[in-house]
Amino acid sequence: MRVFVTGGTGHSGSHIIPELITAGHEVTGLARSETAAAALSALGAKVRRGDLQDLDGLKEAAADSDGVIHVAHRQDLLSSGGIDAVAAAELPIMLAYGEALAGSGKPLVAAGSIGSPGTGRDLGRPGTEDDPALPVGDEHKGTLRARNVVETAVIGLAERGVRSSVVRLANIAHDTTDNAGFLPTLIALAKEKGFSGYPGDGSNRWNAVHIRDAAAVFRLALEKGPAGSYWHAVEDGGIPFREIAEAIGSRLGVPVVSVPLDELMLPGHFGFLANVVRQSYPTSNLITRRTLGWEPAQPRLLDDLDNGHYFPAT
C-alpha cells in the first residue's frame, strides 16, 4: 500500500513510518524543511515537500496514495491560541482529505485524544472505543472543544465513502525517544521542586502506552480497520497517579508528596498541568485488541521507568 504520512518526524510518526515499511508498505512523508526531508529519508520514506497550510497539496497527496495517516499538528499556533487553536487548524485539513478520498473506500487514520469522550467526566467505568467524542467544557451552551470537532469530522467521513478512523493516543506515550511528553515534564517538575507530587490521594488513574505499540495500532487501523471507528492505543488502562509519582521519586531520590486538591490551581508544583493531573482517565483497549488483533509487546510504563533512560546519569 502507498501511504501518505504527515508528522513523520515527530514522536509518533518516527515510529509509525518504520512500522509501515517493515510491513511492506511504501511511505511518502510530508516535509516542510530540508532537515525534515533528511529525517524522513533516513527512516526509509519518500519525501513530499509542503506544509499543513497547503490544502490543495494535501488533497493531491491523499488522492495519489492508497491511504493516509495524519499525526501532524500546527504546533506554531500553540503559543498564540493554545491547544484549541492547534486542533481547530486540523479541521480544514480533514475536510480536504475527505474531498480527495470521498467514495474511494481508502483509509484515513488520524491521531486523536484519549480524553475526547469527555475529559474529567465520570463515566462510571473505563472509557471504551464505542464512546464518541462528546461535548465538554461549557456544556450549557453545547459547545465542543476543537479536538472533539475534528475527531467527529473524521468519523463522519465514513458516510462519504472514506474508511476513516481515529486512534486515541494514551496520556503517556513512552520510550527512549520521549523528550517532550507528559512524563518528561513531570520528571522535570520533580527535579525543579525537589519532590515528586501527586494530586490529593493520587487515586486518579492515568493510562499509558509504549510508542512502538501505538505505531502498530496506526498500521493495523490503516490495513483493516472498519470505517467510522475509534481505536485505543492504550496498554496500561489505569495506573494510579500516585504510583507514577512514586516511581519518579524513587528514581530521583526525592520525597513523594501529596498536593491538596484545593491548592492545585494555585501557583505551585504542577503549573500549567494543574487541571490535567487531577483528572482520571481509566480506559479499555478490548475492542482494539479484538478487532485489530493488536497485542502490545513493549515494556509497560512502570517497567520502562525502571529501565533508566528517563533518568540519565549526570
Protein backbone atom coordinates (compact mmCIF):
# COMPACT_ATOMS: atom_id res chain seq x y z
CA MET A 1 0.00 0.00 0.00
CA ARG A 2 1.26 3.51 -0.86
CA VAL A 3 0.77 5.53 2.33
CA PHE A 4 0.97 9.29 2.78
CA VAL A 5 2.06 10.23 6.32
CA THR A 6 2.11 13.66 7.97
CA GLY A 7 4.04 14.28 11.17
CA GLY A 8 6.53 11.63 10.18
CA THR A 9 9.44 13.18 12.06
CA GLY A 10 7.53 13.61 15.35
CA HIS A 11 7.46 11.25 18.30
CA SER A 12 4.62 9.13 16.91
CA GLY A 13 5.37 9.46 13.21
CA SER A 14 9.02 8.50 13.51
CA HIS A 15 7.86 5.11 14.80
CA ILE A 16 4.84 4.75 12.53
CA ILE A 17 6.95 5.03 9.35
CA PRO A 18 9.33 2.15 10.23
CA GLU A 19 6.31 0.10 11.35
CA LEU A 20 4.70 0.59 7.93
CA ILE A 21 7.87 -0.06 5.94
CA THR A 22 8.63 -3.24 7.88
CA ALA A 23 5.13 -4.46 6.99
CA GLY A 24 5.84 -3.89 3.29
CA HIS A 25 4.16 -0.54 2.68
CA GLU A 26 5.63 2.28 0.61
CA VAL A 27 5.63 5.52 2.59
CA THR A 28 5.75 9.13 1.49
CA GLY A 29 6.16 11.70 4.25
CA LEU A 30 5.35 15.40 4.27
CA ALA A 31 8.36 17.65 4.94
CA ARG A 32 8.40 21.43 5.25
CA SER A 33 12.17 21.74 5.65
CA GLU A 34 15.41 20.19 4.43
CA THR A 35 16.04 18.88 7.93
CA ALA A 36 12.67 17.10 7.99
CA ALA A 37 13.23 15.76 4.49
CA ALA A 38 16.58 14.28 5.53
CA ALA A 39 15.00 12.70 8.62
CA LEU A 40 12.22 11.12 6.54
CA SER A 41 14.74 9.74 4.06
CA ALA A 42 16.75 8.27 6.93
CA LEU A 43 13.60 6.46 8.06
CA GLY A 44 13.22 4.95 4.59
CA ALA A 45 10.35 7.12 3.36
CA LYS A 46 9.97 9.08 0.16
CA VAL A 47 9.64 12.84 0.63
CA ARG A 48 6.93 15.26 -0.45
CA ARG A 49 7.81 18.88 0.27
CA GLY A 50 4.98 21.04 1.62
CA ASP A 51 3.17 22.05 4.78
CA LEU A 52 -0.19 21.73 6.51
CA GLN A 53 -1.42 25.08 5.23
CA ASP A 54 -1.29 23.90 1.61
CA LEU A 55 -4.69 22.20 1.45
CA ASP A 56 -4.51 21.65 -2.31
CA GLY A 57 -1.17 19.93 -1.88
CA LEU A 58 -2.56 17.69 0.86
CA LYS A 59 -5.55 16.77 -1.31
CA GLU A 60 -3.25 15.89 -4.18
CA ALA A 61 -1.02 13.76 -1.95
CA ALA A 62 -4.02 11.95 -0.48
CA ALA A 63 -5.55 11.28 -3.89
CA ASP A 64 -2.23 9.88 -5.13
CA SER A 65 -1.97 7.46 -2.20
CA ASP A 66 -3.72 4.26 -1.18
CA GLY A 67 -4.22 5.61 2.33
CA VAL A 68 -3.36 8.45 4.71
CA ILE A 69 -2.09 8.55 8.29
CA HIS A 70 -2.28 12.04 9.78
CA VAL A 71 -0.43 12.72 13.04
CA ALA A 72 0.90 16.23 12.34
CA HIS A 73 -0.21 19.36 14.23
CA ARG A 74 0.25 23.11 13.81
CA GLN A 75 2.45 23.49 16.88
CA ASP A 76 3.29 27.03 15.78
CA LEU A 77 -0.21 28.05 16.90
CA LEU A 78 0.25 26.79 20.45
CA SER A 79 1.82 29.93 21.88
CA SER A 80 -0.80 32.30 20.46
CA GLY A 81 -4.04 30.29 20.60
CA GLY A 82 -3.42 27.31 22.87
CA ILE A 83 -4.26 23.69 22.18
CA ASP A 84 -7.73 24.51 20.86
CA ALA A 85 -6.19 26.67 18.12
CA VAL A 86 -3.83 23.83 17.21
CA ALA A 87 -6.74 21.40 16.98
CA ALA A 88 -9.01 23.83 15.12
CA ALA A 89 -6.42 24.16 12.36
CA GLU A 90 -6.83 20.43 11.71
CA LEU A 91 -10.50 20.65 10.74
CA PRO A 92 -9.97 22.10 7.23
CA ILE A 93 -7.22 19.52 6.72
CA MET A 94 -9.57 16.65 7.50
CA LEU A 95 -12.24 18.12 5.23
CA ALA A 96 -9.64 18.40 2.47
CA TYR A 97 -8.76 14.73 2.89
CA GLY A 98 -12.47 13.98 2.73
CA GLU A 99 -12.75 15.73 -0.64
CA ALA A 100 -9.78 13.81 -2.01
CA LEU A 101 -10.84 10.40 -0.73
CA ALA A 102 -14.65 10.57 -0.96
CA GLY A 103 -16.16 7.44 -2.48
CA SER A 104 -12.79 5.68 -2.74
CA GLY A 105 -13.03 3.40 0.30
CA LYS A 106 -9.40 4.31 1.05
CA PRO A 107 -8.31 4.56 4.69
CA LEU A 108 -7.72 7.79 6.59
CA VAL A 109 -6.30 7.30 10.07
CA ALA A 110 -5.99 10.38 12.28
CA ALA A 111 -4.48 10.81 15.73
CA GLY A 112 -6.96 11.63 18.48
CA SER A 113 -7.16 12.16 22.22
CA ILE A 114 -7.99 9.62 24.88
CA GLY A 115 -9.86 12.41 26.69
CA SER A 116 -12.23 13.18 23.82
CA PRO A 117 -15.19 11.20 25.26
CA GLY A 118 -15.17 13.85 27.98
CA THR A 119 -12.09 14.96 29.87
CA GLY A 120 -12.69 14.57 33.59
CA ARG A 121 -16.20 13.28 33.00
CA ASP A 122 -17.05 10.32 35.25
CA LEU A 123 -18.39 7.59 33.03
CA GLY A 124 -18.64 5.24 36.00
CA ARG A 125 -16.50 2.78 34.02
CA PRO A 126 -13.39 2.79 31.83
CA GLY A 127 -13.85 4.64 28.55
CA THR A 128 -14.24 2.39 25.53
CA GLU A 129 -13.81 2.71 21.79
CA ASP A 130 -17.60 2.88 21.46
CA ASP A 131 -17.68 6.19 23.36
CA PRO A 132 -17.85 9.03 20.82
CA ALA A 133 -16.19 12.40 21.15
CA LEU A 134 -18.61 14.29 23.38
CA PRO A 135 -19.33 17.91 24.29
CA VAL A 136 -17.09 19.13 27.09
CA GLY A 137 -16.31 22.46 28.68
CA ASP A 138 -19.31 24.80 28.60
CA GLU A 139 -21.97 22.11 28.40
CA HIS A 140 -24.80 24.58 28.98
CA LYS A 141 -24.06 26.18 25.62
CA GLY A 142 -23.49 22.84 23.95
CA THR A 143 -20.04 23.82 22.73
CA LEU A 144 -17.41 21.32 21.64
CA ARG A 145 -13.71 21.64 22.10
CA ALA A 146 -11.90 21.85 18.80
CA ARG A 147 -10.26 18.47 19.31
CA ASN A 148 -13.63 16.78 19.55
CA VAL A 149 -14.96 18.57 16.49
CA VAL A 150 -12.02 17.29 14.48
CA GLU A 151 -12.49 13.69 15.62
CA THR A 152 -16.21 13.85 14.90
CA ALA A 153 -15.47 15.17 11.41
CA VAL A 154 -13.04 12.32 10.71
CA ILE A 155 -15.54 9.70 11.83
CA GLY A 156 -18.24 11.42 9.75
CA LEU A 157 -16.20 10.89 6.57
CA ALA A 158 -17.21 7.23 6.74
CA GLU A 159 -20.59 8.34 5.39
CA ARG A 160 -18.81 9.77 2.34
CA GLY A 161 -17.09 6.53 1.42
CA VAL A 162 -13.84 7.04 3.29
CA ARG A 163 -12.56 4.23 5.55
CA SER A 164 -11.85 6.78 8.25
CA SER A 165 -10.88 6.10 11.86
CA VAL A 166 -9.31 7.82 14.85
CA VAL A 167 -6.52 6.38 17.00
CA ARG A 168 -6.81 7.82 20.51
CA LEU A 169 -3.34 8.01 21.99
CA ALA A 170 -2.72 7.36 25.67
CA ASN A 171 -1.92 10.23 28.04
CA ILE A 172 1.66 8.97 28.29
CA ALA A 173 3.38 7.58 25.18
CA HIS A 174 6.74 6.42 26.48
CA ASP A 175 10.03 5.10 25.07
CA THR A 176 13.68 6.07 24.77
CA THR A 177 12.92 8.95 22.36
CA ASP A 178 10.27 10.62 24.56
CA ASN A 179 11.68 14.03 25.45
CA ALA A 180 8.68 16.38 25.38
CA GLY A 181 5.64 14.46 26.61
CA PHE A 182 3.84 14.41 29.95
CA LEU A 183 6.36 12.08 31.57
CA PRO A 184 9.50 14.18 30.92
CA THR A 185 7.51 17.21 32.11
CA LEU A 186 6.57 15.51 35.38
CA ILE A 187 10.18 14.41 35.88
CA ALA A 188 11.44 17.94 35.22
CA LEU A 189 8.94 19.36 37.72
CA ALA A 190 10.08 16.88 40.38
CA LYS A 191 13.70 17.88 39.81
CA GLU A 192 12.85 21.58 39.96
CA LYS A 193 10.68 21.39 43.09
CA GLY A 194 12.70 18.77 44.94
CA PHE A 195 9.75 16.40 45.36
CA SER A 196 7.53 14.23 43.19
CA GLY A 197 3.93 15.34 43.62
CA TYR A 198 0.54 13.75 43.10
CA PRO A 199 -2.93 15.31 43.40
CA GLY A 200 -4.92 14.59 46.56
CA ASP A 201 -4.73 10.90 47.44
CA GLY A 202 -3.33 10.09 44.00
CA SER A 203 -6.01 7.53 43.21
CA ASN A 204 -6.97 9.18 39.91
CA ARG A 205 -5.91 6.91 37.08
CA TRP A 206 -3.83 7.68 34.03
CA ASN A 207 -3.17 5.49 31.01
CA ALA A 208 -0.02 4.81 29.02
CA VAL A 209 1.40 3.02 26.00
CA HIS A 210 4.83 2.35 24.56
CA ILE A 211 5.07 4.41 21.37
CA ARG A 212 6.16 1.38 19.32
CA ASP A 213 3.00 -0.44 20.34
CA ALA A 214 0.98 2.67 19.46
CA ALA A 215 2.57 2.71 16.00
CA ALA A 216 1.25 -0.80 15.44
CA VAL A 217 -2.31 0.41 16.14
CA PHE A 218 -1.99 3.03 13.38
CA ARG A 219 -0.75 0.38 10.94
CA LEU A 220 -3.49 -2.10 11.81
CA ALA A 221 -6.18 0.59 11.56
CA LEU A 222 -4.83 1.51 8.12
CA GLU A 223 -4.75 -2.09 6.94
CA LYS A 224 -8.04 -3.42 8.22
CA GLY A 225 -9.91 -1.02 10.49
CA PRO A 226 -13.62 -0.68 9.66
CA ALA A 227 -14.86 2.77 8.64
CA GLY A 228 -16.07 5.14 11.33
CA SER A 229 -14.14 3.52 14.19
CA TYR A 230 -12.26 4.74 17.23
CA TRP A 231 -9.21 2.80 18.44
CA HIS A 232 -7.46 2.99 21.80
CA ALA A 233 -3.66 2.93 21.66
CA VAL A 234 -3.51 2.19 25.38
CA GLU A 235 -1.74 -0.66 27.18
CA ASP A 236 -1.83 0.42 30.83
CA GLY A 237 -5.50 1.29 31.18
CA GLY A 238 -5.43 2.99 34.56
CA ILE A 239 -2.33 3.47 36.71
CA PRO A 240 -2.96 5.41 39.94
CA PHE A 241 -1.17 8.74 39.60
CA ARG A 242 0.46 8.17 42.96
CA GLU A 243 2.28 5.10 41.60
CA ILE A 244 3.70 7.17 38.74
CA ALA A 245 4.84 9.84 41.22
CA GLU A 246 6.37 7.17 43.45
CA ALA A 247 8.31 5.68 40.54
CA ILE A 248 9.65 9.12 39.62
CA GLY A 249 10.53 9.96 43.22
CA SER A 250 12.31 6.65 43.69
CA ARG A 251 14.48 7.13 40.61
CA LEU A 252 15.32 10.75 41.50
CA GLY A 253 15.78 10.11 45.20
CA VAL A 254 13.30 12.83 46.18
CA PRO A 255 10.27 12.74 48.52
CA VAL A 256 6.85 11.81 47.16
CA VAL A 257 4.30 14.38 48.33
CA SER A 258 0.54 14.82 48.09
CA VAL A 259 -0.57 18.20 46.74
CA PRO A 260 -4.01 19.03 48.22
CA LEU A 261 -6.70 19.37 45.59
CA ASP A 262 -7.67 22.84 46.79
CA GLU A 263 -4.09 24.01 46.21
CA LEU A 264 -3.63 22.57 42.71
CA MET A 265 -4.75 25.70 40.89
CA LEU A 266 -2.52 27.96 42.99
CA PRO A 267 0.94 28.83 41.65
CA GLY A 268 2.97 25.83 42.68
CA HIS A 269 4.12 22.38 41.76
CA PHE A 270 2.12 21.44 38.67
CA GLY A 271 1.89 24.83 36.97
CA PHE A 272 0.01 24.69 33.67
CA LEU A 273 -0.67 20.96 34.21
CA ALA A 274 -2.69 21.58 37.38
CA ASN A 275 -6.10 20.94 35.84
CA VAL A 276 -4.90 17.96 33.80
CA VAL A 277 -3.19 15.98 36.55
CA ARG A 278 -6.30 15.90 38.74
CA GLN A 279 -8.36 14.14 36.05
CA SER A 280 -8.90 10.40 35.86
CA TYR A 281 -8.72 8.59 32.53
CA PRO A 282 -9.41 4.85 33.03
CA THR A 283 -9.52 3.35 29.55
CA SER A 284 -10.26 0.00 27.94
CA ASN A 285 -8.49 -1.37 24.85
CA LEU A 286 -10.61 -4.52 24.48
CA ILE A 287 -12.30 -3.58 21.18
CA THR A 288 -8.99 -2.52 19.65
CA ARG A 289 -7.34 -5.79 20.60
CA ARG A 290 -10.22 -7.97 19.47
CA THR A 291 -10.99 -6.17 16.20
CA LEU A 292 -7.50 -5.32 15.01
CA GLY A 293 -5.67 -8.23 16.62
CA TRP A 294 -3.37 -5.79 18.41
CA GLU A 295 -1.06 -7.32 21.01
CA PRO A 296 1.21 -4.87 22.85
CA ALA A 297 4.72 -6.29 23.09
CA GLN A 298 6.84 -3.49 24.55
CA PRO A 299 7.60 -2.65 28.22
CA ARG A 300 4.76 -1.18 30.25
CA LEU A 301 5.13 2.26 31.82
CA LEU A 302 6.46 1.39 35.27
CA ASP A 303 8.85 -1.17 33.77
CA ASP A 304 10.08 1.42 31.29
CA LEU A 305 10.71 3.87 34.12
CA ASP A 306 12.88 1.20 35.73
CA ASN A 307 14.95 0.92 32.54
CA GLY A 308 16.61 4.20 33.45
CA HIS A 309 16.61 6.06 30.12
CA TYR A 310 14.35 8.77 31.57
CA PHE A 311 16.97 9.36 34.27
CA PRO A 312 20.37 9.60 32.60
CA ALA A 313 23.39 9.74 34.86
CA THR A 314 24.78 13.24 35.26
